């Protein structure tokens, strides 16, 4: 199966925290995103609840 590159912008602290969690699970970003995308296709929805943040998020690109 042909693969493509996916580029995203994300808060550095958030990335570091997720990286630590994935490392303890023995997962890479690629394997985690592949599993997430497959679950979205299977369920035809985001497989978890998404709520609005209680505090404003600074989304200014760095």
Protein backbone atom coordinates (compact mmCIF):
# COMPACT_ATOMS: atom_id res chain seq x y z
CA UNK A 1 0.00 0.00 0.00
CA UNK A 2 1.31 3.43 -0.95
CA UNK A 3 2.04 5.76 1.97
CA UNK A 4 2.07 9.57 2.17
CA UNK A 5 3.68 12.07 4.52
CA UNK A 6 1.41 14.01 6.87
CA UNK A 7 2.68 17.25 8.36
CA UNK A 8 0.97 18.83 11.39
CA UNK A 9 1.63 21.73 13.73
CA UNK A 10 1.21 21.03 17.42
CA UNK A 11 2.17 22.63 20.73
CA UNK A 12 5.68 21.51 21.71
CA UNK A 13 4.74 20.63 25.31
CA UNK A 14 1.77 18.58 24.11
CA UNK A 15 4.01 16.73 21.64
CA UNK A 16 6.55 15.92 24.35
CA UNK A 17 3.87 14.60 26.71
CA UNK A 18 2.33 12.42 24.01
CA UNK A 19 5.78 11.22 22.97
CA UNK A 20 6.47 10.03 26.53
CA UNK A 21 3.17 8.15 26.68
CA UNK A 22 3.65 6.54 23.26
CA UNK A 23 7.18 5.47 24.23
CA UNK A 24 5.88 3.61 27.31
CA UNK A 25 3.39 1.83 25.04
CA UNK A 26 6.04 0.95 22.46
CA UNK A 27 4.25 2.98 19.79
CA UNK A 28 5.41 5.47 17.19
CA UNK A 29 3.41 8.48 16.01
CA UNK A 30 2.88 6.64 12.72
CA UNK A 31 1.47 3.49 14.33
CA UNK A 32 -0.74 5.53 16.67
CA UNK A 33 -2.15 7.67 13.86
CA UNK A 34 -2.63 4.63 11.63
CA UNK A 35 -4.64 2.92 14.39
CA UNK A 36 -6.68 6.10 15.00
CA UNK A 37 -7.45 6.58 11.30
CA UNK A 38 -8.50 2.92 10.94
CA UNK A 39 -10.80 3.25 13.96
CA UNK A 40 -12.37 6.40 12.49
CA UNK A 41 -13.07 4.52 9.26
CA UNK A 42 -14.47 1.51 11.14
CA UNK A 43 -16.81 3.56 13.37
CA UNK A 44 -17.48 6.46 10.97
CA UNK A 45 -16.85 8.85 13.85
CA UNK A 46 -14.09 10.15 16.11
CA UNK A 47 -13.67 7.28 18.63
CA UNK A 48 -13.67 9.53 21.70
CA UNK A 49 -15.59 12.52 23.02
CA UNK A 50 -14.29 15.96 22.14
CA UNK A 51 -15.31 18.86 24.39
CA UNK A 52 -14.57 22.54 24.13
CA UNK A 53 -11.72 23.64 26.39
CA UNK A 54 -12.66 25.49 29.56
CA UNK A 55 -9.84 28.00 29.04
CA UNK A 56 -8.77 29.69 25.79
CA UNK A 57 -6.03 27.88 23.89
CA UNK A 58 -3.23 29.89 22.32
CA UNK A 59 -3.17 28.63 18.75
CA UNK A 60 -0.62 31.14 17.51
CA UNK A 61 1.88 29.27 15.31
CA UNK A 62 5.43 29.39 16.60
